[in-house]
PDB file of all heavy atoms in Angstrom:
ATOM      1  N   SER A   1      -1.755  -6.347   9.096  1.00  0.00           N
ATOM      2  CA  SER A   1      -0.402  -6.933   9.159  1.00  0.00           C
ATOM      3  C   SER A   1       0.516  -6.497   8.028  1.00  0.00           C
ATOM      4  O   SER A   1       1.281  -7.314   7.489  1.00  0.00           O
ATOM      5  CB  SER A   1      -0.487  -8.470   9.183  1.00  0.00           C
ATOM      6  OG  SER A   1      -1.175  -8.906  10.328  1.00  0.00           O
ATOM      7  N   PHE A   2       0.445  -5.227   7.639  1.00  0.00           N
ATOM      8  CA  PHE A   2       1.378  -4.745   6.631  1.00  0.00           C
ATOM      9  C   PHE A   2       2.743  -4.537   7.272  1.00  0.00           C
ATOM     10  O   PHE A   2       2.858  -3.856   8.288  1.00  0.00           O
ATOM     11  CB  PHE A   2       0.878  -3.449   6.000  1.00  0.00           C
ATOM     12  CG  PHE A   2      -0.348  -3.636   5.160  1.00  0.00           C
ATOM     13  CD1 PHE A   2      -1.572  -3.143   5.575  1.00  0.00           C
ATOM     14  CD2 PHE A   2      -0.273  -4.334   3.960  1.00  0.00           C
ATOM     15  CE1 PHE A   2      -2.705  -3.328   4.812  1.00  0.00           C
ATOM     16  CE2 PHE A   2      -1.405  -4.523   3.186  1.00  0.00           C
ATOM     17  CZ  PHE A   2      -2.624  -4.028   3.608  1.00  0.00           C
ATOM     18  N   PRO A   3       3.789  -5.104   6.705  1.00  0.00           N
ATOM     19  CA  PRO A   3       5.121  -4.964   7.290  1.00  0.00           C
ATOM     20  C   PRO A   3       5.543  -3.499   7.361  1.00  0.00           C
ATOM     21  O   PRO A   3       5.241  -2.706   6.457  1.00  0.00           O
ATOM     22  CB  PRO A   3       6.022  -5.744   6.321  1.00  0.00           C
ATOM     23  CG  PRO A   3       5.100  -6.650   5.572  1.00  0.00           C
ATOM     24  CD  PRO A   3       3.793  -5.939   5.486  1.00  0.00           C
ATOM     25  N   SER A   4       6.242  -3.150   8.413  1.00  0.00           N
ATOM     26  CA  SER A   4       6.699  -1.774   8.581  1.00  0.00           C
ATOM     27  C   SER A   4       7.587  -1.343   7.433  1.00  0.00           C
ATOM     28  O   SER A   4       7.664  -0.152   7.094  1.00  0.00           O
ATOM     29  CB  SER A   4       7.449  -1.624   9.911  1.00  0.00           C
ATOM     30  OG  SER A   4       8.546  -2.516   9.968  1.00  0.00           O
ATOM     31  N   GLU A   5       8.248  -2.295   6.781  1.00  0.00           N
ATOM     32  CA  GLU A   5       9.117  -1.988   5.645  1.00  0.00           C
ATOM     33  C   GLU A   5       8.341  -1.350   4.500  1.00  0.00           C
ATOM     34  O   GLU A   5       8.874  -0.538   3.744  1.00  0.00           O
ATOM     35  CB  GLU A   5       9.803  -3.273   5.171  1.00  0.00           C
ATOM     36  CG  GLU A   5      10.881  -3.086   4.129  1.00  0.00           C
ATOM     37  CD  GLU A   5      12.134  -2.390   4.667  1.00  0.00           C
ATOM     38  OE1 GLU A   5      12.263  -2.282   5.910  1.00  0.00           O
ATOM     39  OE2 GLU A   5      12.961  -1.962   3.851  1.00  0.00           O
ATOM     40  N   LEU A   6       7.054  -1.714   4.379  1.00  0.00           N
ATOM     41  CA  LEU A   6       6.221  -1.147   3.312  1.00  0.00           C
ATOM     42  C   LEU A   6       5.664   0.218   3.677  1.00  0.00           C
ATOM     43  O   LEU A   6       5.027   0.866   2.844  1.00  0.00           O
ATOM     44  CB  LEU A   6       5.063  -2.101   2.987  1.00  0.00           C
ATOM     45  CG  LEU A   6       5.420  -3.468   2.410  1.00  0.00           C
ATOM     46  CD1 LEU A   6       4.164  -4.282   2.137  1.00  0.00           C
ATOM     47  CD2 LEU A   6       6.246  -3.320   1.131  1.00  0.00           C
ATOM     48  N   LEU A   7       5.900   0.659   4.899  1.00  0.00           N
ATOM     49  CA  LEU A   7       5.330   1.921   5.372  1.00  0.00           C
ATOM     50  C   LEU A   7       6.399   2.874   5.904  1.00  0.00           C
ATOM     51  O   LEU A   7       6.083   3.838   6.590  1.00  0.00           O
ATOM     52  CB  LEU A   7       4.307   1.649   6.484  1.00  0.00           C
ATOM     53  CG  LEU A   7       3.052   0.891   6.073  1.00  0.00           C
ATOM     54  CD1 LEU A   7       2.348   0.320   7.307  1.00  0.00           C
ATOM     55  CD2 LEU A   7       2.103   1.817   5.319  1.00  0.00           C
ATOM     56  N   LYS A   8       7.653   2.634   5.555  1.00  0.00           N
ATOM     57  CA  LYS A   8       8.729   3.346   6.234  1.00  0.00           C
ATOM     58  C   LYS A   8       8.908   4.790   5.768  1.00  0.00           C
ATOM     59  O   LYS A   8       9.621   5.555   6.403  1.00  0.00           O
ATOM     60  CB  LYS A   8      10.050   2.591   6.084  1.00  0.00           C
ATOM     61  CG  LYS A   8      10.630   2.564   4.685  1.00  0.00           C
ATOM     62  CD  LYS A   8      11.954   1.804   4.684  1.00  0.00           C
ATOM     63  CE  LYS A   8      12.623   1.821   3.315  1.00  0.00           C
ATOM     64  NZ  LYS A   8      13.899   1.067   3.341  1.00  0.00           N
ATOM     65  N   ASN A   9       8.280   5.177   4.657  1.00  0.00           N
ATOM     66  CA  ASN A   9       8.331   6.583   4.234  1.00  0.00           C
ATOM     67  C   ASN A   9       7.044   6.918   3.484  1.00  0.00           C
ATOM     68  O   ASN A   9       6.234   6.041   3.182  1.00  0.00           O
ATOM     69  CB  ASN A   9       9.568   6.868   3.377  1.00  0.00           C
ATOM     70  CG  ASN A   9       9.674   5.953   2.157  1.00  0.00           C
ATOM     71  OD1 ASN A   9       8.681   5.684   1.479  1.00  0.00           O
ATOM     72  ND2 ASN A   9      10.882   5.467   1.873  1.00  0.00           N
ATOM     73  N   SER A  10       6.868   8.196   3.186  1.00  0.00           N
ATOM     74  CA  SER A  10       5.613   8.642   2.568  1.00  0.00           C
ATOM     75  C   SER A  10       5.449   8.070   1.165  1.00  0.00           C
ATOM     76  O   SER A  10       4.315   7.785   0.733  1.00  0.00           O
ATOM     77  CB  SER A  10       5.571  10.172   2.516  1.00  0.00           C
ATOM     78  OG  SER A  10       6.653  10.689   1.757  1.00  0.00           O
ATOM     79  N   GLN A  11       6.566   7.892   0.428  1.00  0.00           N
ATOM     80  CA  GLN A  11       6.459   7.338  -0.919  1.00  0.00           C
ATOM     81  C   GLN A  11       5.911   5.915  -0.882  1.00  0.00           C
ATOM     82  O   GLN A  11       5.004   5.560  -1.656  1.00  0.00           O
ATOM     83  CB  GLN A  11       7.835   7.337  -1.609  1.00  0.00           C
ATOM     84  CG  GLN A  11       8.355   8.715  -1.962  1.00  0.00           C
ATOM     85  CD  GLN A  11       9.123   9.364  -0.840  1.00  0.00           C
ATOM     86  OE1 GLN A  11       9.233   8.812   0.256  1.00  0.00           O
ATOM     87  NE2 GLN A  11       9.660  10.551  -1.093  1.00  0.00           N
ATOM     88  N   ARG A  12       6.433   5.103   0.007  1.00  0.00           N
ATOM     89  CA  ARG A  12       5.968   3.716   0.100  1.00  0.00           C
ATOM     90  C   ARG A  12       4.512   3.657   0.564  1.00  0.00           C
ATOM     91  O   ARG A  12       3.741   2.813   0.105  1.00  0.00           O
ATOM     92  CB  ARG A  12       6.880   2.924   1.030  1.00  0.00           C
ATOM     93  CG  ARG A  12       8.261   2.661   0.426  1.00  0.00           C
ATOM     94  CD  ARG A  12       9.082   1.703   1.258  1.00  0.00           C
ATOM     95  NE  ARG A  12      10.238   1.230   0.488  1.00  0.00           N
ATOM     96  CZ  ARG A  12      10.756   0.020   0.592  1.00  0.00           C
ATOM     97  NH1 ARG A  12      10.250  -0.857   1.429  1.00  0.00           N
ATOM     98  NH2 ARG A  12      11.799  -0.330  -0.143  1.00  0.00           N
ATOM     99  N   LYS A  13       4.158   4.546   1.467  1.00  0.00           N
ATOM    100  CA  LYS A  13       2.782   4.563   1.966  1.00  0.00           C
ATOM    101  C   LYS A  13       1.795   4.878   0.838  1.00  0.00           C
ATOM    102  O   LYS A  13       0.763   4.205   0.691  1.00  0.00           O
ATOM    103  CB  LYS A  13       2.659   5.591   3.088  1.00  0.00           C
ATOM    104  CG  LYS A  13       1.255   5.801   3.625  1.00  0.00           C
ATOM    105  CD  LYS A  13       1.285   6.770   4.792  1.00  0.00           C
ATOM    106  CE  LYS A  13      -0.105   7.193   5.224  1.00  0.00           C
ATOM    107  NZ  LYS A  13      -0.756   8.075   4.215  1.00  0.00           N
ATOM    108  N   ILE A  14       2.101   5.901   0.031  1.00  0.00           N
ATOM    109  CA  ILE A  14       1.224   6.247  -1.090  1.00  0.00           C
ATOM    110  C   ILE A  14       1.104   5.079  -2.059  1.00  0.00           C
ATOM    111  O   ILE A  14       0.008   4.741  -2.527  1.00  0.00           O
ATOM    112  CB  ILE A  14       1.747   7.500  -1.817  1.00  0.00           C
ATOM    113  CG1 ILE A  14       1.578   8.737  -0.931  1.00  0.00           C
ATOM    114  CG2 ILE A  14       1.028   7.699  -3.150  1.00  0.00           C
ATOM    115  CD1 ILE A  14       2.293   9.972  -1.464  1.00  0.00           C
ATOM    116  N   ALA A  15       2.232   4.433  -2.355  1.00  0.00           N
ATOM    117  CA  ALA A  15       2.213   3.312  -3.292  1.00  0.00           C
ATOM    118  C   ALA A  15       1.426   2.127  -2.744  1.00  0.00           C
ATOM    119  O   ALA A  15       0.680   1.462  -3.477  1.00  0.00           O
ATOM    120  CB  ALA A  15       3.646   2.888  -3.623  1.00  0.00           C
ATOM    121  N   LEU A  16       1.565   1.850  -1.450  1.00  0.00           N
ATOM    122  CA  LEU A  16       0.821   0.739  -0.851  1.00  0.00           C
ATOM    123  C   LEU A  16      -0.670   1.034  -0.837  1.00  0.00           C
ATOM    124  O   LEU A  16      -1.495   0.148  -1.123  1.00  0.00           O
ATOM    125  CB  LEU A  16       1.329   0.473   0.571  1.00  0.00           C
ATOM    126  CG  LEU A  16       0.639  -0.658   1.337  1.00  0.00           C
ATOM    127  CD1 LEU A  16       0.684  -1.963   0.563  1.00  0.00           C
ATOM    128  CD2 LEU A  16       1.263  -0.821   2.727  1.00  0.00           C
ATOM    129  N   GLU A  17      -1.043   2.265  -0.521  1.00  0.00           N
ATOM    130  CA  GLU A  17      -2.458   2.640  -0.573  1.00  0.00           C
ATOM    131  C   GLU A  17      -3.013   2.450  -1.974  1.00  0.00           C
ATOM    132  O   GLU A  17      -4.137   1.956  -2.153  1.00  0.00           O
ATOM    133  CB  GLU A  17      -2.614   4.100  -0.124  1.00  0.00           C
ATOM    134  CG  GLU A  17      -2.368   4.314   1.363  1.00  0.00           C
ATOM    135  CD  GLU A  17      -2.308   5.769   1.759  1.00  0.00           C
ATOM    136  OE1 GLU A  17      -2.167   6.643   0.865  1.00  0.00           O
ATOM    137  OE2 GLU A  17      -2.391   6.058   2.975  1.00  0.00           O
ATOM    138  N   ASP A  18      -2.229   2.832  -2.969  1.00  0.00           N
ATOM    139  CA  ASP A  18      -2.656   2.656  -4.357  1.00  0.00           C
ATOM    140  C   ASP A  18      -2.838   1.174  -4.689  1.00  0.00           C
ATOM    141  O   ASP A  18      -3.812   0.792  -5.346  1.00  0.00           O
ATOM    142  CB  ASP A  18      -1.613   3.286  -5.287  1.00  0.00           C
ATOM    143  CG  ASP A  18      -1.961   3.128  -6.747  1.00  0.00           C
ATOM    144  OD1 ASP A  18      -2.758   3.937  -7.253  1.00  0.00           O
ATOM    145  OD2 ASP A  18      -1.451   2.181  -7.391  1.00  0.00           O
ATOM    146  N   TYR A  19      -1.928   0.343  -4.224  1.00  0.00           N
ATOM    147  CA  TYR A  19      -2.018  -1.096  -4.493  1.00  0.00           C
ATOM    148  C   TYR A  19      -3.289  -1.679  -3.875  1.00  0.00           C
ATOM    149  O   TYR A  19      -3.989  -2.493  -4.498  1.00  0.00           O
ATOM    150  CB  TYR A  19      -0.792  -1.815  -3.935  1.00  0.00           C
ATOM    151  CG  TYR A  19      -0.727  -3.282  -4.315  1.00  0.00           C
ATOM    152  CD1 TYR A  19      -0.068  -3.681  -5.468  1.00  0.00           C
ATOM    153  CD2 TYR A  19      -1.348  -4.254  -3.529  1.00  0.00           C
ATOM    154  CE1 TYR A  19      -0.012  -5.026  -5.831  1.00  0.00           C
ATOM    155  CE2 TYR A  19      -1.305  -5.595  -3.892  1.00  0.00           C
ATOM    156  CZ  TYR A  19      -0.634  -5.969  -5.047  1.00  0.00           C
ATOM    157  OH  TYR A  19      -0.597  -7.301  -5.411  1.00  0.00           O
ATOM    158  N   ILE A  20      -3.614  -1.259  -2.661  1.00  0.00           N
ATOM    159  CA  ILE A  20      -4.815  -1.757  -1.977  1.00  0.00           C
ATOM    160  C   ILE A  20      -6.065  -1.356  -2.745  1.00  0.00           C
ATOM    161  O   ILE A  20      -6.993  -2.166  -2.926  1.00  0.00           O
ATOM    162  CB  ILE A  20      -4.850  -1.231  -0.531  1.00  0.00           C
ATOM    163  CG1 ILE A  20      -3.708  -1.843   0.288  1.00  0.00           C
ATOM    164  CG2 ILE A  20      -6.203  -1.518   0.133  1.00  0.00           C
ATOM    165  CD1 ILE A  20      -3.473  -1.173   1.626  1.00  0.00           C
ATOM    166  N   ALA A  21      -6.116  -0.110  -3.230  1.00  0.00           N
ATOM    167  CA  ALA A  21      -7.278   0.332  -4.006  1.00  0.00           C
ATOM    168  C   ALA A  21      -7.434  -0.504  -5.280  1.00  0.00           C
ATOM    169  O   ALA A  21      -8.548  -0.894  -5.646  1.00  0.00           O
ATOM    170  CB  ALA A  21      -7.140   1.813  -4.354  1.00  0.00           C
ATOM    171  N   ARG A  22      -6.343  -0.793  -5.932  1.00  0.00           N
ATOM    172  CA  ARG A  22      -6.397  -1.601  -7.153  1.00  0.00           C
ATOM    173  C   ARG A  22      -6.805  -3.045  -6.836  1.00  0.00           C
ATOM    174  O   ARG A  22      -7.521  -3.684  -7.628  1.00  0.00           O
ATOM    175  CB  ARG A  22      -5.048  -1.562  -7.876  1.00  0.00           C
ATOM    176  CG  ARG A  22      -4.699  -0.182  -8.423  1.00  0.00           C
ATOM    177  CD  ARG A  22      -3.286  -0.125  -8.992  1.00  0.00           C
ATOM    178  NE  ARG A  22      -2.896   1.250  -9.261  1.00  0.00           N
ATOM    179  CZ  ARG A  22      -3.154   1.908 -10.380  1.00  0.00           C
ATOM    180  NH1 ARG A  22      -3.804   1.285 -11.371  1.00  0.00           N
ATOM    181  NH2 ARG A  22      -2.771   3.158 -10.542  1.00  0.00           N
ATOM    182  N   ALA A  23      -6.362  -3.547  -5.680  1.00  0.00           N
ATOM    183  CA  ALA A  23      -6.753  -4.896  -5.274  1.00  0.00           C
ATOM    184  C   ALA A  23      -8.255  -4.965  -5.003  1.00  0.00           C
ATOM    185  O   ALA A  23      -8.922  -5.960  -5.353  1.00  0.00           O
ATOM    186  CB  ALA A  23      -5.973  -5.314  -4.032  1.00  0.00           C
ATOM    187  N   PHE A  24      -8.799  -3.930  -4.375  1.00  0.00           N
ATOM    188  CA  PHE A  24     -10.245  -3.882  -4.119  1.00  0.00           C
ATOM    189  C   PHE A  24     -11.013  -3.828  -5.441  1.00  0.00           C
ATOM    190  O   PHE A  24     -12.034  -4.508  -5.611  1.00  0.00           O
ATOM    191  CB  PHE A  24     -10.569  -2.670  -3.248  1.00  0.00           C
ATOM    192  CG  PHE A  24     -11.960  -2.669  -2.677  1.00  0.00           C
ATOM    193  CD1 PHE A  24     -12.244  -3.349  -1.500  1.00  0.00           C
ATOM    194  CD2 PHE A  24     -12.985  -1.977  -3.293  1.00  0.00           C
ATOM    195  CE1 PHE A  24     -13.534  -3.339  -0.964  1.00  0.00           C
ATOM    196  CE2 PHE A  24     -14.271  -1.958  -2.775  1.00  0.00           C
ATOM    197  CZ  PHE A  24     -14.542  -2.648  -1.593  1.00  0.00           C
ATOM    198  N   LYS A  25     -10.524  -3.017  -6.390  1.00  0.00           N
ATOM    199  CA  LYS A  25     -11.175  -2.929  -7.700  1.00  0.00           C
ATOM    200  C   LYS A  25     -11.107  -4.283  -8.421  1.00  0.00           C
ATOM    201  O   LYS A  25     -12.096  -4.719  -9.042  1.00  0.00           O
ATOM    202  CB  LYS A  25     -10.474  -1.861  -8.551  1.00  0.00           C
ATOM    203  CG  LYS A  25     -10.968  -1.765  -9.991  1.00  0.00           C
ATOM    204  CD  LYS A  25     -12.444  -1.403 -10.058  1.00  0.00           C
ATOM    205  CE  LYS A  25     -12.870  -1.011 -11.458  1.00  0.00           C
ATOM    206  NZ  LYS A  25     -12.680  -2.068 -12.473  1.00  0.00           N
ATOM    207  N   SER A  26      -9.979  -4.960  -8.334  1.00  0.00           N
ATOM    208  CA  SER A  26      -9.854  -6.273  -8.957  1.00  0.00           C
ATOM    209  C   SER A  26     -10.832  -7.264  -8.331  1.00  0.00           C
ATOM    210  O   SER A  26     -11.447  -8.082  -9.042  1.00  0.00           O
ATOM    211  CB  SER A  26      -8.417  -6.779  -8.807  1.00  0.00           C
ATOM    212  OG  SER A  26      -8.264  -8.059  -9.377  1.00  0.00           O
ATOM    213  N   ALA A  27     -11.001  -7.176  -7.015  1.00  0.00           N
ATOM    214  CA  ALA A  27     -11.954  -8.050  -6.332  1.00  0.00           C
ATOM    215  C   ALA A  27     -13.386  -7.746  -6.760  1.00  0.00           C
ATOM    216  O   ALA A  27     -14.210  -8.659  -6.915  1.00  0.00           O
ATOM    217  CB  ALA A  27     -11.794  -7.905  -4.817  1.00  0.00           C
TER     218      ALA A  27
END
């Protein structure tokens, strides 16, 4: 359920992927 606004271009996609990886590491 990631909002399309967070995926609307390649820059946002790379940043969101990075955030998810950091969230997994934090977990």
